[in-house]
Amino acid sequence: MTGDEKPKHISVDEKKSKELDTDSIMRQLGQAGRFHLRVYVLVAFAAIQVGLLHTTYIFLAGRVPYR
C-alpha cells in the first residue's frame, strides 16, 4: 500500500467469510506423517524425563528425622 491510498474497509460479512476454522486448516496441512510422530515422541520423552526429575525432588529434599 502506498502512502496516498486509503485503507479498504471490510464489512462484518466479509470478515466472517475470511475467518479460519480448525477443519479447513487441517485439510490444508494434510495427514500427520512419520516426521510428526517422531517429533511427538521426542517431545513426550522430554516431558517424561522432566516429570521424573521433579518427582525425585519430593523424595530427596525432605528432612528425615533421625537421632
PDB file of N, CA and C in Angstrom:
ATOM      1  N   MET A   1       0.857  -1.172   0.000  1.00  0.00           N
ATOM      2  CA  MET A   1       0.000   0.000   0.000  1.00  0.00           C
ATOM      3  C   MET A   1       0.895   1.224   0.000  1.00  0.00           C
ATOM      4  N   THR A   2       0.652   2.142  -0.926  1.00  0.00           N
ATOM      5  CA  THR A   2       1.433   3.378  -0.987  1.00  0.00           C
ATOM      6  C   THR A   2       0.831   4.401  -0.049  1.00  0.00           C
ATOM      7  N   GLY A   3       1.513   5.492   0.143  1.00  0.00           N
ATOM      8  CA  GLY A   3       1.084   6.482   1.113  1.00  0.00           C
ATOM      9  C   GLY A   3      -0.192   7.219   0.767  1.00  0.00           C
ATOM     10  N   ASP A   4      -0.573   7.291  -0.513  1.00  0.00           N
ATOM     11  CA  ASP A   4      -1.760   8.055  -0.896  1.00  0.00           C
ATOM     12  C   ASP A   4      -3.032   7.223  -0.966  1.00  0.00           C
ATOM     13  N   GLU A   5      -2.940   5.897  -0.733  1.00  0.00           N
ATOM     14  CA  GLU A   5      -4.131   5.055  -0.773  1.00  0.00           C
ATOM     15  C   GLU A   5      -4.800   5.007   0.588  1.00  0.00           C
ATOM     16  N   LYS A   6      -6.114   4.948   0.577  1.00  0.00           N
ATOM     17  CA  LYS A   6      -6.865   4.831   1.820  1.00  0.00           C
ATOM     18  C   LYS A   6      -7.066   3.363   2.148  1.00  0.00           C
ATOM     19  N   PRO A   7      -7.095   3.007   3.433  1.00  0.00           N
ATOM     20  CA  PRO A   7      -7.304   1.600   3.788  1.00  0.00           C
ATOM     21  C   PRO A   7      -8.690   1.130   3.373  1.00  0.00           C
ATOM     22  N   LYS A   8      -8.785  -0.097   2.925  1.00  0.00           N
ATOM     23  CA  LYS A   8     -10.045  -0.676   2.481  1.00  0.00           C
ATOM     24  C   LYS A   8     -10.825  -1.147   3.702  1.00  0.00           C
ATOM     25  N   HIS A   9     -12.066  -0.746   3.797  1.00  0.00           N
ATOM     26  CA  HIS A   9     -12.914  -1.162   4.907  1.00  0.00           C
ATOM     27  C   HIS A   9     -13.589  -2.485   4.574  1.00  0.00           C
ATOM     28  N   ILE A  10     -13.579  -3.388   5.512  1.00  0.00           N
ATOM     29  CA  ILE A  10     -14.165  -4.712   5.314  1.00  0.00           C
ATOM     30  C   ILE A  10     -15.441  -4.795   6.144  1.00  0.00           C
ATOM     31  N   SER A  11     -16.496  -5.270   5.522  1.00  0.00           N
ATOM     32  CA  SER A  11     -17.755  -5.404   6.244  1.00  0.00           C
ATOM     33  C   SER A  11     -17.701  -6.616   7.170  1.00  0.00           C
ATOM     34  N   VAL A  12     -18.661  -6.722   8.074  1.00  0.00           N
ATOM     35  CA  VAL A  12     -18.721  -7.815   9.024  1.00  0.00           C
ATOM     36  C   VAL A  12     -18.903  -9.147   8.307  1.00  0.00           C
ATOM     37  N   ASP A  13     -19.712  -9.176   7.254  1.00  0.00           N
ATOM     38  CA  ASP A  13     -19.941 -10.410   6.495  1.00  0.00           C
ATOM     39  C   ASP A  13     -18.650 -10.891   5.828  1.00  0.00           C
ATOM     40  N   GLU A  14     -17.851  -9.951   5.288  1.00  0.00           N
ATOM     41  CA  GLU A  14     -16.591 -10.328   4.658  1.00  0.00           C
ATOM     42  C   GLU A  14     -15.608 -10.867   5.687  1.00  0.00           C
ATOM     43  N   LYS A  15     -15.616 -10.286   6.881  1.00  0.00           N
ATOM     44  CA  LYS A  15     -14.724 -10.769   7.942  1.00  0.00           C
ATOM     45  C   LYS A  15     -15.083 -12.197   8.325  1.00  0.00           C
ATOM     46  N   LYS A  16     -16.374 -12.479   8.460  1.00  0.00           N
ATOM     47  CA  LYS A  16     -16.803 -13.821   8.845  1.00  0.00           C
ATOM     48  C   LYS A  16     -16.433 -14.839   7.783  1.00  0.00           C
ATOM     49  N   SER A  17     -16.510 -14.451   6.516  1.00  0.00           N
ATOM     50  CA  SER A  17     -16.186 -15.396   5.450  1.00  0.00           C
ATOM     51  C   SER A  17     -14.689 -15.660   5.376  1.00  0.00           C
ATOM     52  N   LYS A  18     -13.854 -14.735   5.872  1.00  0.00           N
ATOM     53  CA  LYS A  18     -12.408 -14.906   5.819  1.00  0.00           C
ATOM     54  C   LYS A  18     -11.848 -15.560   7.082  1.00  0.00           C
ATOM     55  N   GLU A  19     -12.660 -15.769   8.089  1.00  0.00           N
ATOM     56  CA  GLU A  19     -12.176 -16.402   9.304  1.00  0.00           C
ATOM     57  C   GLU A  19     -11.813 -17.853   9.027  1.00  0.00           C
ATOM     58  N   LEU A  20     -10.765 -18.323   9.694  1.00  0.00           N
ATOM     59  CA  LEU A  20     -10.323 -19.697   9.507  1.00  0.00           C
ATOM     60  C   LEU A  20     -10.869 -20.566  10.624  1.00  0.00           C
ATOM     61  N   ASP A  21     -11.248 -21.761  10.277  1.00  0.00           N
ATOM     62  CA  ASP A  21     -11.653 -22.714  11.285  1.00  0.00           C
ATOM     63  C   ASP A  21     -10.644 -23.861  11.292  1.00  0.00           C
ATOM     64  N   THR A  22     -10.683 -24.660  12.329  1.00  0.00           N
ATOM     65  CA  THR A  22      -9.713 -25.726  12.514  1.00  0.00           C
ATOM     66  C   THR A  22      -9.791 -26.761  11.406  1.00  0.00           C
ATOM     67  N   ASP A  23     -10.975 -27.102  10.968  1.00  0.00           N
ATOM     68  CA  ASP A  23     -11.135 -28.113   9.925  1.00  0.00           C
ATOM     69  C   ASP A  23     -10.475 -27.695   8.611  1.00  0.00           C
ATOM     70  N   SER A  24     -10.653 -26.443   8.220  1.00  0.00           N
ATOM     71  CA  SER A  24     -10.057 -26.007   6.954  1.00  0.00           C
ATOM     72  C   SER A  24      -8.538 -25.952   7.051  1.00  0.00           C
ATOM     73  N   ILE A  25      -8.017 -25.594   8.208  1.00  0.00           N
ATOM     74  CA  ILE A  25      -6.561 -25.576   8.391  1.00  0.00           C
ATOM     75  C   ILE A  25      -6.005 -26.990   8.327  1.00  0.00           C
ATOM     76  N   MET A  26      -6.671 -27.948   8.990  1.00  0.00           N
ATOM     77  CA  MET A  26      -6.200 -29.328   8.985  1.00  0.00           C
ATOM     78  C   MET A  26      -6.280 -29.950   7.590  1.00  0.00           C
ATOM     79  N   ARG A  27      -7.291 -29.594   6.812  1.00  0.00           N
ATOM     80  CA  ARG A  27      -7.391 -30.091   5.437  1.00  0.00           C
ATOM     81  C   ARG A  27      -6.223 -29.581   4.602  1.00  0.00           C
ATOM     82  N   GLN A  28      -5.839 -28.332   4.818  1.00  0.00           N
ATOM     83  CA  GLN A  28      -4.747 -27.754   4.044  1.00  0.00           C
ATOM     84  C   GLN A  28      -3.399 -28.342   4.476  1.00  0.00           C
ATOM     85  N   LEU A  29      -3.223 -28.629   5.758  1.00  0.00           N
ATOM     86  CA  LEU A  29      -1.965 -29.189   6.235  1.00  0.00           C
ATOM     87  C   LEU A  29      -1.782 -30.637   5.816  1.00  0.00           C
ATOM     88  N   GLY A  30      -2.842 -31.400   5.782  1.00  0.00           N
ATOM     89  CA  GLY A  30      -2.763 -32.794   5.363  1.00  0.00           C
ATOM     90  C   GLY A  30      -2.612 -33.733   6.549  1.00  0.00           C
ATOM     91  N   GLN A  31      -2.379 -35.016   6.222  1.00  0.00           N
ATOM     92  CA  GLN A  31      -2.256 -36.054   7.244  1.00  0.00           C
ATOM     93  C   GLN A  31      -0.930 -35.925   7.984  1.00  0.00           C
ATOM     94  N   ALA A  32      -0.928 -36.373   9.238  1.00  0.00           N
ATOM     95  CA  ALA A  32       0.308 -36.428  10.007  1.00  0.00           C
ATOM     96  C   ALA A  32       1.140 -37.597   9.503  1.00  0.00           C
ATOM     97  N   GLY A  33       2.436 -37.388   9.349  1.00  0.00           N
ATOM     98  CA  GLY A  33       3.309 -38.420   8.819  1.00  0.00           C
ATOM     99  C   GLY A  33       4.324 -38.898   9.839  1.00  0.00           C
ATOM    100  N   ARG A  34       5.368 -39.560   9.325  1.00  0.00           N
ATOM    101  CA  ARG A  34       6.414 -40.104  10.195  1.00  0.00           C
ATOM    102  C   ARG A  34       7.147 -38.994  10.938  1.00  0.00           C
ATOM    103  N   PHE A  35       7.381 -37.860  10.280  1.00  0.00           N
ATOM    104  CA  PHE A  35       8.062 -36.741  10.915  1.00  0.00           C
ATOM    105  C   PHE A  35       7.297 -36.252  12.139  1.00  0.00           C
ATOM    106  N   HIS A  36       5.991 -36.107  12.002  1.00  0.00           N
ATOM    107  CA  HIS A  36       5.165 -35.615  13.102  1.00  0.00           C
ATOM    108  C   HIS A  36       5.167 -36.600  14.266  1.00  0.00           C
ATOM    109  N   LEU A  37       5.124 -37.885  13.962  1.00  0.00           N
ATOM    110  CA  LEU A  37       5.170 -38.907  15.003  1.00  0.00           C
ATOM    111  C   LEU A  37       6.514 -38.861  15.733  1.00  0.00           C
ATOM    112  N   ARG A  38       7.591 -38.705  14.984  1.00  0.00           N
ATOM    113  CA  ARG A  38       8.918 -38.633  15.592  1.00  0.00           C
ATOM    114  C   ARG A  38       9.040 -37.413  16.516  1.00  0.00           C
ATOM    115  N   VAL A  39       8.560 -36.270  16.069  1.00  0.00           N
ATOM    116  CA  VAL A  39       8.610 -35.067  16.895  1.00  0.00           C
ATOM    117  C   VAL A  39       7.772 -35.240  18.157  1.00  0.00           C
ATOM    118  N   TYR A  40       6.590 -35.832  18.016  1.00  0.00           N
ATOM    119  CA  TYR A  40       5.720 -36.067  19.170  1.00  0.00           C
ATOM    120  C   TYR A  40       6.394 -36.979  20.179  1.00  0.00           C
ATOM    121  N   VAL A  41       7.028 -38.054  19.712  1.00  0.00           N
ATOM    122  CA  VAL A  41       7.695 -38.992  20.623  1.00  0.00           C
ATOM    123  C   VAL A  41       8.859 -38.306  21.345  1.00  0.00           C
ATOM    124  N   LEU A  42       9.633 -37.506  20.639  1.00  0.00           N
ATOM    125  CA  LEU A  42      10.753 -36.814  21.279  1.00  0.00           C
ATOM    126  C   LEU A  42      10.277 -35.807  22.322  1.00  0.00           C
ATOM    127  N   VAL A  43       9.227 -35.090  22.026  1.00  0.00           N
ATOM    128  CA  VAL A  43       8.688 -34.129  22.989  1.00  0.00           C
ATOM    129  C   VAL A  43       8.103 -34.857  24.200  1.00  0.00           C
ATOM    130  N   ALA A  44       7.410 -35.967  23.956  1.00  0.00           N
ATOM    131  CA  ALA A  44       6.856 -36.749  25.063  1.00  0.00           C
ATOM    132  C   ALA A  44       7.972 -37.324  25.921  1.00  0.00           C
ATOM    133  N   PHE A  45       9.049 -37.791  25.299  1.00  0.00           N
ATOM    134  CA  PHE A  45      10.185 -38.335  26.036  1.00  0.00           C
ATOM    135  C   PHE A  45      10.799 -37.268  26.933  1.00  0.00           C
ATOM    136  N   ALA A  46      10.957 -36.056  26.417  1.00  0.00           N
ATOM    137  CA  ALA A  46      11.499 -34.958  27.220  1.00  0.00           C
ATOM    138  C   ALA A  46      10.553 -34.616  28.374  1.00  0.00           C
ATOM    139  N   ALA A  47       9.265 -34.625  28.136  1.00  0.00           N
ATOM    140  CA  ALA A  47       8.299 -34.305  29.186  1.00  0.00           C
ATOM    141  C   ALA A  47       8.317 -35.368  30.284  1.00  0.00           C
ATOM    142  N   ILE A  48       8.471 -36.627  29.913  1.00  0.00           N
ATOM    143  CA  ILE A  48       8.536 -37.700  30.912  1.00  0.00           C
ATOM    144  C   ILE A  48       9.785 -37.544  31.765  1.00  0.00           C
ATOM    145  N   GLN A  49      10.912 -37.209  31.140  1.00  0.00           N
ATOM    146  CA  GLN A  49      12.146 -37.019  31.900  1.00  0.00           C
ATOM    147  C   GLN A  49      12.024 -35.864  32.889  1.00  0.00           C
ATOM    148  N   VAL A  50      11.428 -34.781  32.472  1.00  0.00           N
ATOM    149  CA  VAL A  50      11.243 -33.641  33.371  1.00  0.00           C
ATOM    150  C   VAL A  50      10.311 -34.027  34.515  1.00  0.00           C
ATOM    151  N   GLY A  51       9.270 -34.770  34.231  1.00  0.00           N
ATOM    152  CA  GLY A  51       8.360 -35.225  35.281  1.00  0.00           C
ATOM    153  C   GLY A  51       9.057 -36.109  36.298  1.00  0.00           C
ATOM    154  N   LEU A  52       9.899 -37.026  35.828  1.00  0.00           N
ATOM    155  CA  LEU A  52      10.647 -37.887  36.749  1.00  0.00           C
ATOM    156  C   LEU A  52      11.641 -37.083  37.583  1.00  0.00           C
ATOM    157  N   LEU A  53      12.269 -36.095  36.974  1.00  0.00           N
ATOM    158  CA  LEU A  53      13.211 -35.246  37.701  1.00  0.00           C
ATOM    159  C   LEU A  53      12.512 -34.519  38.841  1.00  0.00           C
ATOM    160  N   HIS A  54      11.357 -33.972  38.588  1.00  0.00           N
ATOM    161  CA  HIS A  54      10.622 -33.252  39.625  1.00  0.00           C
ATOM    162  C   HIS A  54      10.055 -34.206  40.671  1.00  0.00           C
ATOM    163  N   THR A  55       9.742 -35.418  40.283  1.00  0.00           N
ATOM    164  CA  THR A  55       9.240 -36.389  41.244  1.00  0.00           C
ATOM    165  C   THR A  55      10.342 -36.822  42.215  1.00  0.00           C
ATOM    166  N   THR A  56      11.561 -36.967  41.737  1.00  0.00           N
ATOM    167  CA  THR A  56      12.663 -37.362  42.627  1.00  0.00           C
ATOM    168  C   THR A  56      12.936 -36.292  43.674  1.00  0.00           C
ATOM    169  N   TYR A  57      12.673 -35.049  43.360  1.00  0.00           N
ATOM    170  CA  TYR A  57      12.887 -33.975  44.326  1.00  0.00           C
ATOM    171  C   TYR A  57      12.007 -34.175  45.558  1.00  0.00           C
ATOM    172  N   ILE A  58      10.822 -34.697  45.381  1.00  0.00           N
ATOM    173  CA  ILE A  58       9.913 -34.930  46.508  1.00  0.00           C
ATOM    174  C   ILE A  58      10.567 -35.851  47.528  1.00  0.00           C
ATOM    175  N   PHE A  59      11.245 -36.879  47.055  1.00  0.00           N
ATOM    176  CA  PHE A  59      11.834 -37.866  47.947  1.00  0.00           C
ATOM    177  C   PHE A  59      13.210 -37.455  48.459  1.00  0.00           C
ATOM    178  N   LEU A  60      13.937 -36.661  47.732  1.00  0.00           N
ATOM    179  CA  LEU A  60      15.297 -36.307  48.122  1.00  0.00           C
ATOM    180  C   LEU A  60      15.401 -35.024  48.934  1.00  0.00           C
ATOM    181  N   ALA A  61      14.423 -34.156  48.883  1.00  0.00           N
ATOM    182  CA  ALA A  61      14.536 -32.837  49.516  1.00  0.00           C
ATOM    183  C   ALA A  61      14.033 -32.841  50.962  1.00  0.00           C
ATOM    184  N   GLY A  62      13.263 -33.818  51.369  1.00  0.00           N
ATOM    185  CA  GLY A  62      12.711 -33.807  52.717  1.00  0.00           C
ATOM    186  C   GLY A  62      13.738 -34.147  53.771  1.00  0.00           C
ATOM    187  N   ARG A  63      13.587 -33.553  54.944  1.00  0.00           N
ATOM    188  CA  ARG A  63      14.467 -33.851  56.064  1.00  0.00           C
ATOM    189  C   ARG A  63      13.948 -35.105  56.771  1.00  0.00           C
ATOM    190  N   VAL A  64      14.840 -36.026  56.987  1.00  0.00           N
ATOM    191  CA  VAL A  64      14.462 -37.265  57.643  1.00  0.00           C
ATOM    192  C   VAL A  64      14.836 -37.147  59.127  1.00  0.00           C
ATOM    193  N   PRO A  65      13.830 -37.265  60.013  1.00  0.00           N
ATOM    194  CA  PRO A  65      14.128 -37.141  61.433  1.00  0.00           C
ATOM    195  C   PRO A  65      14.792 -38.428  61.954  1.00  0.00           C
ATOM    196  N   TYR A  66      16.041 -38.336  62.283  1.00  0.00           N
ATOM    197  CA  TYR A  66      16.765 -39.467  62.867  1.00  0.00           C
ATOM    198  C   TYR A  66      17.685 -38.924  63.942  1.00  0.00           C
ATOM    199  N   ARG A  67      17.972 -39.760  64.924  1.00  0.00           N
ATOM    200  CA  ARG A  67      18.747 -39.426  66.129  1.00  0.00           C
ATOM    201  C   ARG A  67      18.194 -38.256  66.813  1.00  0.00           C
TER     202      ARG A  67
END
